[in-house]
Protein backbone atom coordinates (compact mmCIF):
# COMPACT_ATOMS: atom_id res chain seq x y z
CA MET A 1 79.39 57.95 145.41
CA SER A 2 82.15 57.31 142.30
CA THR A 3 78.90 58.95 140.49
CA ARG A 4 79.57 62.41 142.50
CA PRO A 5 75.87 63.83 142.59
CA THR A 6 75.18 66.99 141.92
CA SER A 7 74.93 68.91 145.62
CA ASP A 8 71.20 69.39 146.77
CA ARG A 9 71.87 72.92 147.35
CA LEU A 10 73.33 73.16 143.55
CA ARG A 11 70.54 71.75 142.29
CA GLU A 12 68.22 74.04 144.17
CA THR A 13 69.94 76.77 142.35
CA LEU A 14 69.85 75.40 139.43
CA PHE A 15 66.32 74.66 139.56
CA ASN A 16 65.51 78.27 141.03
CA VAL A 17 67.20 79.55 137.55
CA LEU A 18 65.15 77.35 135.70
CA ALA A 19 61.99 77.73 137.05
CA PRO A 20 60.08 79.70 134.41
CA ARG A 21 61.01 77.49 131.55
CA ILE A 22 60.84 73.80 133.35
CA GLU A 23 57.11 73.57 133.35
CA GLY A 24 56.25 71.75 130.49
CA ALA A 25 59.74 71.32 129.25
CA THR A 26 61.52 68.36 127.58
CA PHE A 27 64.30 68.20 129.57
CA LEU A 28 67.74 65.60 128.61
CA ASP A 29 69.52 64.94 131.65
CA LEU A 30 73.50 63.50 130.07
CA TYR A 31 75.72 61.91 132.17
CA ALA A 32 72.67 61.28 134.40
CA GLY A 33 74.18 59.25 136.69
CA SER A 34 71.55 58.53 139.86
CA GLY A 35 69.06 60.64 137.78
CA ALA A 36 68.88 63.01 140.49
CA VAL A 37 68.79 66.44 138.43
CA GLY A 38 66.30 64.69 136.22
CA LEU A 39 63.96 63.44 138.52
CA GLU A 40 64.33 67.20 140.03
CA ALA A 41 62.88 68.42 137.10
CA LEU A 42 60.12 65.74 136.66
CA SER A 43 59.39 67.20 140.39
CA ARG A 44 59.66 70.71 139.03
CA GLY A 45 56.79 70.01 136.32
CA ALA A 46 58.76 68.96 133.47
CA ALA A 47 56.85 66.83 130.94
CA ARG A 48 59.33 64.82 129.72
CA VAL A 49 63.11 63.67 131.14
CA GLU A 50 65.51 61.70 128.93
CA PHE A 51 68.40 59.65 131.02
CA VAL A 52 71.53 59.20 128.96
CA GLU A 53 74.03 57.39 131.10
CA ARG A 54 76.42 53.89 129.99
CA ALA A 55 77.97 53.35 133.47
CA PRO A 56 76.21 50.15 135.00
CA ALA A 57 76.40 50.62 138.03
CA ALA A 58 74.95 54.38 137.84
CA LEU A 59 72.27 52.56 135.38
CA LYS A 60 71.81 50.31 138.34
CA VAL A 61 70.87 52.98 140.73
CA LEU A 62 68.93 55.55 137.87
CA ASP A 63 66.76 51.94 137.11
CA ALA A 64 66.11 51.45 141.00
CA ASN A 65 65.32 55.44 141.58
CA LEU A 66 62.97 54.94 138.19
CA ALA A 67 60.91 51.79 139.50
CA ARG A 68 60.69 53.53 143.02
CA LEU A 69 59.04 56.73 141.97
CA GLY A 70 56.94 54.99 139.08
CA VAL A 71 57.28 57.53 136.38
CA SER A 72 57.98 55.37 133.65
CA ASN A 73 55.57 56.76 131.26
CA ARG A 74 57.32 60.57 131.51
CA VAL A 75 61.10 59.04 131.07
CA ARG A 76 63.19 56.92 128.53
CA VAL A 77 66.70 55.95 129.57
CA HIS A 78 69.29 55.25 126.40
CA ARG A 79 72.01 53.24 127.82
CA LYS A 80 74.91 54.47 126.05
CA SER A 81 78.00 57.04 125.63
CA VAL A 82 76.52 60.55 125.63
CA SER A 83 78.97 60.80 122.15
CA ALA A 84 77.07 57.95 120.43
CA PHE A 85 73.32 59.51 121.82
CA LEU A 86 74.16 62.76 120.45
CA ARG A 87 75.66 61.20 117.31
CA SER A 88 73.09 59.15 116.62
CA ALA A 89 70.55 62.11 117.42
CA SER A 90 71.70 64.22 114.58
CA GLY A 91 72.53 61.42 112.18
CA PRO A 92 69.93 60.21 109.35
CA VAL A 93 66.92 58.63 110.51
CA PRO A 94 66.43 54.99 109.55
CA LYS A 95 64.01 53.77 106.97
CA GLN A 96 61.72 51.93 109.81
CA GLU A 97 61.67 54.86 112.30
CA LYS A 98 58.07 56.14 111.99
CA ASN A 99 58.54 60.04 113.53
CA PRO A 100 61.77 61.30 111.05
CA LYS A 101 62.62 64.15 112.98
CA PRO A 102 65.03 64.93 115.79
CA GLU A 103 63.63 64.76 119.76
CA ARG A 104 64.02 68.30 120.45
CA TYR A 105 65.00 69.31 123.86
CA GLU A 106 64.08 73.07 125.73
CA VAL A 107 66.68 72.37 128.81
CA LEU A 108 69.64 70.13 128.91
CA PHE A 109 71.80 69.43 131.80
CA ILE A 110 75.39 68.04 131.37
CA ASP A 111 77.24 66.86 134.38
CA PRO A 112 80.02 64.45 133.19
CA PRO A 113 82.62 62.51 135.91
CA TYR A 114 85.06 66.01 136.70
CA ASP A 115 88.01 63.79 135.43
CA ALA A 116 86.89 63.17 132.34
CA ALA A 117 87.69 66.70 130.93
CA ASP A 118 87.89 65.39 127.21
CA GLU A 119 83.80 64.81 127.70
CA TYR A 120 83.00 68.36 128.00
CA ALA A 121 84.36 69.34 124.93
CA ILE A 122 82.99 66.42 122.77
CA ALA A 123 79.53 67.02 124.29
CA LEU A 124 79.33 70.70 123.77
CA GLY A 125 81.11 70.33 120.46
CA LEU A 126 78.52 68.16 119.09
CA LEU A 127 75.80 70.40 120.55
CA GLY A 128 77.29 73.55 118.80
CA GLY A 129 77.75 71.28 115.38
CA ALA A 130 76.29 68.46 114.63
CA ALA A 131 73.70 67.95 117.09
CA GLN A 132 72.47 71.27 116.74
CA GLY A 133 69.08 69.76 115.46
CA ILE A 134 67.91 68.26 118.96
CA LEU A 135 67.65 71.95 120.65
CA ALA A 136 64.63 73.51 120.54
CA PRO A 137 64.28 77.06 119.80
CA ASP A 138 65.60 78.90 122.69
CA ALA A 139 67.25 76.06 124.50
CA VAL A 140 69.18 76.19 127.76
CA VAL A 141 72.16 74.07 127.48
CA ILE A 142 73.92 74.00 131.57
CA VAL A 143 76.78 72.15 132.17
CA GLU A 144 78.21 71.38 136.08
CA HIS A 145 81.83 71.67 136.09
CA ARG A 146 84.78 72.17 138.26
CA ARG A 147 85.36 75.84 139.47
CA LYS A 148 88.52 75.77 138.47
CA SER A 149 88.11 73.95 135.07
CA ALA A 150 86.54 76.84 132.66
CA LEU A 151 85.01 75.91 129.51
CA GLU A 152 84.91 78.17 126.72
CA GLU A 153 83.07 81.00 125.89
CA ARG A 154 81.70 79.01 123.11
CA TYR A 155 81.06 75.78 121.02
CA GLY A 156 79.99 75.79 117.55
CA SER A 157 76.79 78.22 117.38
CA LEU A 158 76.72 77.80 121.47
CA LYS A 159 77.54 80.56 123.47
CA ARG A 160 77.76 80.79 127.16
CA THR A 161 75.00 83.42 129.09
CA ARG A 162 75.74 82.64 132.13
CA LEU A 163 78.03 81.60 134.87
CA LEU A 164 76.72 80.38 138.62
CA GLU A 165 79.88 79.38 140.86
CA GLN A 166 78.86 78.14 144.50
CA GLY A 167 81.18 76.49 146.35
CA ASP A 168 83.69 74.30 144.26
CA ALA A 169 81.25 73.79 141.63
CA THR A 170 80.27 76.28 138.71
CA LEU A 171 76.64 76.21 136.32
CA SER A 172 77.88 77.52 133.28
CA PHE A 173 74.94 78.45 130.53
CA TYR A 174 75.09 78.42 126.86
CA ALA A 175 72.53 79.46 124.22
CA VAL A 176 72.42 78.83 120.50
CA ASN A 177 73.82 81.99 119.32
CA SER A 178 71.58 83.61 117.02
């Protein structure tokens, strides 16, 4: 329970909003925890999901969930911090890499531990700045946070486009400001 999974009700609301854009999408689940949100994306038609998680206990649960569902051909797990992942995804590609272009994602979900307030600003700051290259054209970045913990309207090139409150939780939707 220390991973504070996204409630079933909030997850349902999230995917009702995302319905028109989830089919065939590449989905990035940052601070993945058990992987519930990313796995829901797969079940709703996402082509591929990548999970980023560093907590050993959460990774154990995530690995077990992935093994149980047999979806290894459509997922990838990055076992590192979100900031390290975003910095490496946006940095120069090593010469031995075959694909010099960074992976691009249509839908990104960010759900750090509520008590790690600095993680929100770090992840959104990188996505609105140095790591913007991983955002596909018209990408949406969704952040789950406490209702009473307001996020900024803008983080670099990211601008909030929607706010959806449900119980004590809020979903903030961001897009690249054109």
